Every structure is written in structure tokens, then in C-alpha cells.
């Protein structure tokens, strides 16, 4: 993993992004101390939309109005 100073990173950002897109990871330093990492984006970090929808539906299953109407909630400012 290569390190590069912040000034050089700013100056050569397009070149660094090309290297990162090819799989390389680069540490950006400021006065010799690491402050950031340029790393390839991993699509596995994106949440699965279907799983999110399923989680919302599962959460809603436990929610009950228990005699309170939606209109009353709206008037109270809760919806």
C-alpha cells in the first residue's frame, strides 16, 4: 500500500483514481500522518433493497394502533 502526501494527492487525483479503479489502495498523509485511504469501491457494501423492504415489513407487523385512528394521530402531529 503506497502513501502519498495530501498536496500530491490533490495535484494528481485523476491519476490516483485510475490506479484505485485498477484495484490499488493508497494512503493519503498530512505531515507524514495517515489521514485517509483511497480504496476501490466494493459493491457488496450496498444494502440489498429487498432485505430493507422485508425488514420494514417485519417491523410494521408488530405495530398496532390499538383503538387510535390515523386521523387522531395526524391531528396530534404524530403522522
PDB file of N, CA and C in Angstrom:
ATOM      1  N   UNK A   1       0.846  -1.165   0.000  1.00  0.00           N
ATOM      2  CA  UNK A   1       0.000   0.000   0.000  1.00  0.00           C
ATOM      3  C   UNK A   1       0.896   1.234   0.000  1.00  0.00           C
ATOM      4  N   UNK A   2       0.715   2.060  -0.989  1.00  0.00           N
ATOM      5  CA  UNK A   2       1.542   3.259  -1.136  1.00  0.00           C
ATOM      6  C   UNK A   2       0.966   4.417  -0.337  1.00  0.00           C
ATOM      7  N   UNK A   3       1.824   5.293   0.157  1.00  0.00           N
ATOM      8  CA  UNK A   3       1.421   6.523   0.847  1.00  0.00           C
ATOM      9  C   UNK A   3       1.768   7.711  -0.028  1.00  0.00           C
ATOM     10  N   UNK A   4       0.921   8.729   0.032  1.00  0.00           N
ATOM     11  CA  UNK A   4       1.161   9.941  -0.740  1.00  0.00           C
ATOM     12  C   UNK A   4       0.692  11.132   0.088  1.00  0.00           C
ATOM     13  N   UNK A   5       1.419  12.238  -0.009  1.00  0.00           N
ATOM     14  CA  UNK A   5       1.056  13.452   0.733  1.00  0.00           C
ATOM     15  C   UNK A   5      -0.218  14.071   0.189  1.00  0.00           C
ATOM     16  N   UNK A   6      -0.919  14.809   1.030  1.00  0.00           N
ATOM     17  CA  UNK A   6      -2.193  15.417   0.652  1.00  0.00           C
ATOM     18  C   UNK A   6      -2.038  16.358  -0.544  1.00  0.00           C
ATOM     19  N   UNK A   7      -0.974  17.152  -0.568  1.00  0.00           N
ATOM     20  CA  UNK A   7      -0.774  18.084  -1.685  1.00  0.00           C
ATOM     21  C   UNK A   7      -0.601  17.327  -2.994  1.00  0.00           C
ATOM     22  N   UNK A   8       0.227  16.280  -2.974  1.00  0.00           N
ATOM     23  CA  UNK A   8       0.434  15.481  -4.189  1.00  0.00           C
ATOM     24  C   UNK A   8      -0.839  14.746  -4.585  1.00  0.00           C
ATOM     25  N   UNK A   9      -1.615  14.300  -3.607  1.00  0.00           N
ATOM     26  CA  UNK A   9      -2.872  13.611  -3.904  1.00  0.00           C
ATOM     27  C   UNK A   9      -3.829  14.560  -4.618  1.00  0.00           C
ATOM     28  N   UNK A  10      -3.891  15.811  -4.137  1.00  0.00           N
ATOM     29  CA  UNK A  10      -4.758  16.800  -4.767  1.00  0.00           C
ATOM     30  C   UNK A  10      -4.285  17.081  -6.194  1.00  0.00           C
ATOM     31  N   UNK A  11      -2.995  17.207  -6.362  1.00  0.00           N
ATOM     32  CA  UNK A  11      -2.432  17.529  -7.664  1.00  0.00           C
ATOM     33  C   UNK A  11      -2.620  16.409  -8.675  1.00  0.00           C
ATOM     34  N   UNK A  12      -2.532  15.169  -8.213  1.00  0.00           N
ATOM     35  CA  UNK A  12      -2.564  14.017  -9.118  1.00  0.00           C
ATOM     36  C   UNK A  12      -3.795  13.137  -8.908  1.00  0.00           C
ATOM     37  N   UNK A  13      -4.905  13.714  -8.447  1.00  0.00           N
ATOM     38  CA  UNK A  13      -6.085  12.923  -8.124  1.00  0.00           C
ATOM     39  C   UNK A  13      -6.585  12.067  -9.292  1.00  0.00           C
ATOM     40  N   UNK A  14      -6.714  12.583 -10.508  1.00  0.00           N
ATOM     41  CA  UNK A  14      -7.198  11.719 -11.595  1.00  0.00           C
ATOM     42  C   UNK A  14      -6.315  10.473 -11.789  1.00  0.00           C
ATOM     43  N   UNK A  15      -5.019  10.653 -11.699  1.00  0.00           N
ATOM     44  CA  UNK A  15      -4.094   9.523 -11.854  1.00  0.00           C
ATOM     45  C   UNK A  15      -4.273   8.522 -10.702  1.00  0.00           C
ATOM     46  N   UNK A  16      -4.443   9.045  -9.491  1.00  0.00           N
ATOM     47  CA  UNK A  16      -4.641   8.168  -8.332  1.00  0.00           C
ATOM     48  C   UNK A  16      -5.955   7.402  -8.448  1.00  0.00           C
ATOM     49  N   UNK A  17      -7.016   8.078  -8.893  1.00  0.00           N
ATOM     50  CA  UNK A  17      -8.302   7.404  -9.047  1.00  0.00           C
ATOM     51  C   UNK A  17      -8.230   6.280 -10.070  1.00  0.00           C
ATOM     52  N   UNK A  18      -7.452   6.480 -11.120  1.00  0.00           N
ATOM     53  CA  UNK A  18      -7.281   5.420 -12.114  1.00  0.00           C
ATOM     54  C   UNK A  18      -6.609   4.205 -11.482  1.00  0.00           C
ATOM     55  N   UNK A  19      -5.585   4.450 -10.669  1.00  0.00           N
ATOM     56  CA  UNK A  19      -4.888   3.343 -10.002  1.00  0.00           C
ATOM     57  C   UNK A  19      -5.812   2.619  -9.028  1.00  0.00           C
ATOM     58  N   UNK A  20      -6.623   3.393  -8.306  1.00  0.00           N
ATOM     59  CA  UNK A  20      -7.554   2.790  -7.360  1.00  0.00           C
ATOM     60  C   UNK A  20      -8.605   1.961  -8.106  1.00  0.00           C
ATOM     61  N   UNK A  21      -9.081   2.471  -9.244  1.00  0.00           N
ATOM     62  CA  UNK A  21     -10.050   1.730 -10.044  1.00  0.00           C
ATOM     63  C   UNK A  21      -9.475   0.397 -10.528  1.00  0.00           C
ATOM     64  N   UNK A  22      -8.169   0.333 -10.646  1.00  0.00           N
ATOM     65  CA  UNK A  22      -7.498  -0.900 -11.068  1.00  0.00           C
ATOM     66  C   UNK A  22      -7.224  -1.831  -9.889  1.00  0.00           C
ATOM     67  N   UNK A  23      -7.643  -1.420  -8.665  1.00  0.00           N
ATOM     68  CA  UNK A  23      -7.531  -2.302  -7.515  1.00  0.00           C
ATOM     69  C   UNK A  23      -6.517  -1.909  -6.454  1.00  0.00           C
ATOM     70  N   UNK A  24      -5.784  -0.852  -6.671  1.00  0.00           N
ATOM     71  CA  UNK A  24      -4.756  -0.438  -5.704  1.00  0.00           C
ATOM     72  C   UNK A  24      -5.383   0.372  -4.570  1.00  0.00           C
ATOM     73  N   UNK A  25      -4.804   0.302  -3.387  1.00  0.00           N
ATOM     74  CA  UNK A  25      -5.215   1.099  -2.238  1.00  0.00           C
ATOM     75  C   UNK A  25      -4.085   2.070  -1.905  1.00  0.00           C
ATOM     76  N   UNK A  26      -4.442   3.339  -1.663  1.00  0.00           N
ATOM     77  CA  UNK A  26      -3.447   4.384  -1.425  1.00  0.00           C
ATOM     78  C   UNK A  26      -3.797   5.129  -0.140  1.00  0.00           C
ATOM     79  N   UNK A  27      -2.802   5.321   0.720  1.00  0.00           N
ATOM     80  CA  UNK A  27      -2.978   6.073   1.960  1.00  0.00           C
ATOM     81  C   UNK A  27      -2.561   7.517   1.706  1.00  0.00           C
ATOM     82  N   UNK A  28      -3.418   8.451   2.111  1.00  0.00           N
ATOM     83  CA  UNK A  28      -3.096   9.872   1.983  1.00  0.00           C
ATOM     84  C   UNK A  28      -2.642  10.361   3.353  1.00  0.00           C
ATOM     85  N   UNK A  29      -1.500  11.062   3.357  1.00  0.00           N
ATOM     86  CA  UNK A  29      -0.928  11.537   4.617  1.00  0.00           C
ATOM     87  C   UNK A  29      -0.909  13.061   4.650  1.00  0.00           C
ATOM     88  N   UNK A  30      -0.868  13.591   5.859  1.00  0.00           N
ATOM     89  CA  UNK A  30      -0.696  15.030   6.045  1.00  0.00           C
ATOM     90  C   UNK A  30       0.396  15.191   7.087  1.00  0.00           C
ATOM     91  N   UNK A  31       1.486  15.799   6.684  1.00  0.00           N
ATOM     92  CA  UNK A  31       2.669  15.944   7.542  1.00  0.00           C
ATOM     93  C   UNK A  31       3.154  14.579   8.030  1.00  0.00           C
ATOM     94  N   UNK A  32       3.055  13.586   7.158  1.00  0.00           N
ATOM     95  CA  UNK A  32       3.553  12.247   7.474  1.00  0.00           C
ATOM     96  C   UNK A  32       2.599  11.346   8.227  1.00  0.00           C
ATOM     97  N   UNK A  33       1.466  11.881   8.685  1.00  0.00           N
ATOM     98  CA  UNK A  33       0.496  11.074   9.434  1.00  0.00           C
ATOM     99  C   UNK A  33      -0.653  10.664   8.516  1.00  0.00           C
ATOM    100  N   UNK A  34      -1.021   9.410   8.534  1.00  0.00           N
ATOM    101  CA  UNK A  34      -2.141   8.961   7.680  1.00  0.00           C
ATOM    102  C   UNK A  34      -3.442   9.649   8.073  1.00  0.00           C
ATOM    103  N   UNK A  35      -4.187  10.141   7.065  1.00  0.00           N
ATOM    104  CA  UNK A  35      -5.462  10.797   7.333  1.00  0.00           C
ATOM    105  C   UNK A  35      -6.623  10.209   6.531  1.00  0.00           C
ATOM    106  N   UNK A  36      -6.329   9.493   5.447  1.00  0.00           N
ATOM    107  CA  UNK A  36      -7.395   8.942   4.612  1.00  0.00           C
ATOM    108  C   UNK A  36      -6.855   7.780   3.797  1.00  0.00           C
ATOM    109  N   UNK A  37      -7.794   6.988   3.293  1.00  0.00           N
ATOM    110  CA  UNK A  37      -7.445   5.861   2.441  1.00  0.00           C
ATOM    111  C   UNK A  37      -8.285   5.942   1.174  1.00  0.00           C
ATOM    112  N   UNK A  38      -7.627   5.883   0.026  1.00  0.00           N
ATOM    113  CA  UNK A  38      -8.321   5.736  -1.252  1.00  0.00           C
ATOM    114  C   UNK A  38      -8.320   4.246  -1.552  1.00  0.00           C
ATOM    115  N   UNK A  39      -9.516   3.671  -1.638  1.00  0.00           N
ATOM    116  CA  UNK A  39      -9.607   2.232  -1.867  1.00  0.00           C
ATOM    117  C   UNK A  39     -10.699   1.969  -2.896  1.00  0.00           C
ATOM    118  N   UNK A  40     -10.603   0.858  -3.619  1.00  0.00           N
ATOM    119  CA  UNK A  40     -11.637   0.523  -4.597  1.00  0.00           C
ATOM    120  C   UNK A  40     -12.993   0.381  -3.927  1.00  0.00           C
ATOM    121  N   UNK A  41     -14.027   0.834  -4.602  1.00  0.00           N
ATOM    122  CA  UNK A  41     -15.387   0.719  -4.101  1.00  0.00           C
ATOM    123  C   UNK A  41     -15.842  -0.725  -4.238  1.00  0.00           C
ATOM    124  N   UNK A  42     -16.432  -1.221  -3.180  1.00  0.00           N
ATOM    125  CA  UNK A  42     -16.935  -2.590  -3.192  1.00  0.00           C
ATOM    126  C   UNK A  42     -18.454  -2.547  -3.259  1.00  0.00           C
ATOM    127  N   UNK A  43     -19.011  -3.108  -4.306  1.00  0.00           N
ATOM    128  CA  UNK A  43     -20.464  -3.090  -4.454  1.00  0.00           C
ATOM    129  C   UNK A  43     -21.141  -3.931  -3.387  1.00  0.00           C
ATOM    130  N   UNK A  44     -20.413  -4.795  -2.704  1.00  0.00           N
ATOM    131  CA  UNK A  44     -21.017  -5.608  -1.650  1.00  0.00           C
ATOM    132  C   UNK A  44     -21.378  -4.760  -0.434  1.00  0.00           C
ATOM    133  N   UNK A  45     -20.894  -3.523  -0.353  1.00  0.00           N
ATOM    134  CA  UNK A  45     -21.225  -2.632   0.749  1.00  0.00           C
ATOM    135  C   UNK A  45     -22.617  -2.032   0.593  1.00  0.00           C
ATOM    136  N   UNK A  46     -23.185  -2.107  -0.602  1.00  0.00           N
ATOM    137  CA  UNK A  46     -24.507  -1.552  -0.833  1.00  0.00           C
ATOM    138  C   UNK A  46     -25.555  -2.451  -0.197  1.00  0.00           C
ATOM    139  N   UNK A  47     -26.514  -1.854   0.504  1.00  0.00           N
ATOM    140  CA  UNK A  47     -27.559  -2.677   1.106  1.00  0.00           C
ATOM    141  C   UNK A  47     -28.465  -3.283   0.040  1.00  0.00           C
ATOM    142  N   UNK A  48     -28.999  -4.434   0.364  1.00  0.00           N
ATOM    143  CA  UNK A  48     -29.916  -5.119  -0.539  1.00  0.00           C
ATOM    144  C   UNK A  48     -31.308  -4.502  -0.378  1.00  0.00           C
ATOM    145  N   UNK A  49     -31.871  -3.898  -1.430  1.00  0.00           N
ATOM    146  CA  UNK A  49     -33.180  -3.248  -1.308  1.00  0.00           C
ATOM    147  C   UNK A  49     -34.276  -4.213  -0.845  1.00  0.00           C
ATOM    148  N   UNK A  50     -34.260  -5.435  -1.341  1.00  0.00           N
ATOM    149  CA  UNK A  50     -35.280  -6.410  -0.948  1.00  0.00           C
ATOM    150  C   UNK A  50     -35.180  -6.707   0.550  1.00  0.00           C
ATOM    151  N   UNK A  51     -33.962  -6.831   1.073  1.00  0.00           N
ATOM    152  CA  UNK A  51     -33.787  -7.090   2.503  1.00  0.00           C
ATOM    153  C   UNK A  51     -34.287  -5.908   3.330  1.00  0.00           C
ATOM    154  N   UNK A  52     -34.058  -4.680   2.855  1.00  0.00           N
ATOM    155  CA  UNK A  52     -34.534  -3.499   3.572  1.00  0.00           C
ATOM    156  C   UNK A  52     -36.059  -3.461   3.601  1.00  0.00           C
ATOM    157  N   UNK A  53     -36.691  -3.759   2.483  1.00  0.00           N
ATOM    158  CA  UNK A  53     -38.156  -3.779   2.425  1.00  0.00           C
ATOM    159  C   UNK A  53     -38.711  -4.857   3.342  1.00  0.00           C
ATOM    160  N   UNK A  54     -38.101  -6.034   3.324  1.00  0.00           N
ATOM    161  CA  UNK A  54     -38.536  -7.123   4.209  1.00  0.00           C
ATOM    162  C   UNK A  54     -38.399  -6.726   5.677  1.00  0.00           C
ATOM    163  N   UNK A  55     -37.324  -6.024   6.027  1.00  0.00           N
ATOM    164  CA  UNK A  55     -37.117  -5.586   7.413  1.00  0.00           C
ATOM    165  C   UNK A  55     -38.183  -4.572   7.824  1.00  0.00           C
ATOM    166  N   UNK A  56     -38.542  -3.664   6.927  1.00  0.00           N
ATOM    167  CA  UNK A  56     -39.580  -2.677   7.229  1.00  0.00           C
ATOM    168  C   UNK A  56     -40.925  -3.372   7.433  1.00  0.00           C
ATOM    169  N   UNK A  57     -41.232  -4.319   6.544  1.00  0.00           N
ATOM    170  CA  UNK A  57     -42.494  -5.059   6.680  1.00  0.00           C
ATOM    171  C   UNK A  57     -42.533  -5.851   7.985  1.00  0.00           C
ATOM    172  N   UNK A  58     -41.433  -6.459   8.348  1.00  0.00           N
ATOM    173  CA  UNK A  58     -41.384  -7.220   9.602  1.00  0.00           C
ATOM    174  C   UNK A  58     -41.570  -6.285  10.794  1.00  0.00           C
ATOM    175  N   UNK A  59     -40.986  -5.113  10.758  1.00  0.00           N
ATOM    176  CA  UNK A  59     -41.132  -4.135  11.836  1.00  0.00           C
ATOM    177  C   UNK A  59     -42.589  -3.694  11.967  1.00  0.00           C
ATOM    178  N   UNK A  60     -43.237  -3.463  10.828  1.00  0.00           N
ATOM    179  CA  UNK A  60     -44.619  -2.999  10.836  1.00  0.00           C
ATOM    180  C   UNK A  60     -45.574  -4.050  11.389  1.00  0.00           C
ATOM    181  N   UNK A  61     -45.227  -5.317  11.289  1.00  0.00           N
ATOM    182  CA  UNK A  61     -46.110  -6.377  11.781  1.00  0.00           C
ATOM    183  C   UNK A  61     -46.380  -6.226  13.272  1.00  0.00           C
ATOM    184  N   UNK A  62     -45.427  -5.727  14.022  1.00  0.00           N
ATOM    185  CA  UNK A  62     -45.595  -5.577  15.460  1.00  0.00           C
ATOM    186  C   UNK A  62     -46.276  -4.283  15.873  1.00  0.00           C
ATOM    187  N   UNK A  63     -46.566  -3.408  14.945  1.00  0.00           N
ATOM    188  CA  UNK A  63     -47.146  -2.105  15.265  1.00  0.00           C
ATOM    189  C   UNK A  63     -48.674  -2.190  15.221  1.00  0.00           C
ATOM    190  N   UNK A  64     -49.319  -1.762  16.290  1.00  0.00           N
ATOM    191  CA  UNK A  64     -50.780  -1.759  16.380  1.00  0.00           C
ATOM    192  C   UNK A  64     -51.241  -0.356  16.775  1.00  0.00           C
ATOM    193  N   UNK A  65     -52.374   0.071  16.210  1.00  0.00           N
ATOM    194  CA  UNK A  65     -52.934   1.366  16.571  1.00  0.00           C
ATOM    195  C   UNK A  65     -53.742   1.280  17.866  1.00  0.00           C
ATOM    196  N   UNK A  66     -54.244   0.109  18.207  1.00  0.00           N
ATOM    197  CA  UNK A  66     -54.974  -0.142  19.446  1.00  0.00           C
ATOM    198  C   UNK A  66     -56.044   0.904  19.727  1.00  0.00           C
ATOM    199  N   UNK A  67     -57.002   1.008  18.821  1.00  0.00           N
ATOM    200  CA  UNK A  67     -58.140   1.885  19.042  1.00  0.00           C
ATOM    201  C   UNK A  67     -57.940   3.335  18.656  1.00  0.00           C
ATOM    202  N   UNK A  68     -56.751   3.727  18.283  1.00  0.00           N
ATOM    203  CA  UNK A  68     -56.483   5.103  17.878  1.00  0.00           C
ATOM    204  C   UNK A  68     -56.590   5.161  16.357  1.00  0.00           C
ATOM    205  N   UNK A  69     -57.308   6.161  15.856  1.00  0.00           N
ATOM    206  CA  UNK A  69     -57.440   6.277  14.407  1.00  0.00           C
ATOM    207  C   UNK A  69     -56.257   7.037  13.815  1.00  0.00           C
ATOM    208  N   UNK A  70     -56.038   6.833  12.556  1.00  0.00           N
ATOM    209  CA  UNK A  70     -54.969   7.552  11.853  1.00  0.00           C
ATOM    210  C   UNK A  70     -55.251   9.052  11.898  1.00  0.00           C
ATOM    211  N   UNK A  71     -56.542   9.438  11.784  1.00  0.00           N
ATOM    212  CA  UNK A  71     -56.918  10.855  11.827  1.00  0.00           C
ATOM    213  C   UNK A  71     -56.476  11.481  13.155  1.00  0.00           C
ATOM    214  N   UNK A  72     -56.682  10.775  14.274  1.00  0.00           N
ATOM    215  CA  UNK A  72     -56.269  11.293  15.585  1.00  0.00           C
ATOM    216  C   UNK A  72     -54.748  11.481  15.658  1.00  0.00           C
ATOM    217  N   UNK A  73     -54.018  10.536  15.095  1.00  0.00           N
ATOM    218  CA  UNK A  73     -52.548  10.658  15.083  1.00  0.00           C
ATOM    219  C   UNK A  73     -52.117  11.860  14.246  1.00  0.00           C
ATOM    220  N   UNK A  74     -52.777  12.067  13.106  1.00  0.00           N
ATOM    221  CA  UNK A  74     -52.433  13.204  12.249  1.00  0.00           C
ATOM    222  C   UNK A  74     -52.713  14.518  12.990  1.00  0.00           C
ATOM    223  N   UNK A  75     -53.858  14.600  13.654  1.00  0.00           N
ATOM    224  CA  UNK A  75     -54.226  15.822  14.370  1.00  0.00           C
ATOM    225  C   UNK A  75     -53.282  16.105  15.539  1.00  0.00           C
ATOM    226  N   UNK A  76     -52.733  15.036  16.146  1.00  0.00           N
ATOM    227  CA  UNK A  76     -51.760  15.217  17.232  1.00  0.00           C
ATOM    228  C   UNK A  76     -50.381  15.579  16.695  1.00  0.00           C
ATOM    229  N   UNK A  77     -50.211  15.476  15.383  1.00  0.00           N
ATOM    230  CA  UNK A  77     -48.907  15.764  14.782  1.00  0.00           C
ATOM    231  C   UNK A  77     -47.959  14.586  14.826  1.00  0.00           C
ATOM    232  N   UNK A  78     -48.468  13.414  15.060  1.00  0.00           N
ATOM    233  CA  UNK A  78     -47.629  12.218  15.141  1.00  0.00           C
ATOM    234  C   UNK A  78     -47.451  11.532  13.801  1.00  0.00           C
ATOM    235  N   UNK A  79     -48.208  11.924  12.795  1.00  0.00           N
ATOM    236  CA  UNK A  79     -48.046  11.350  11.450  1.00  0.00           C
ATOM    237  C   UNK A  79     -47.922  12.453  10.452  1.00  0.00           C
TER     238      UNK A  79
END
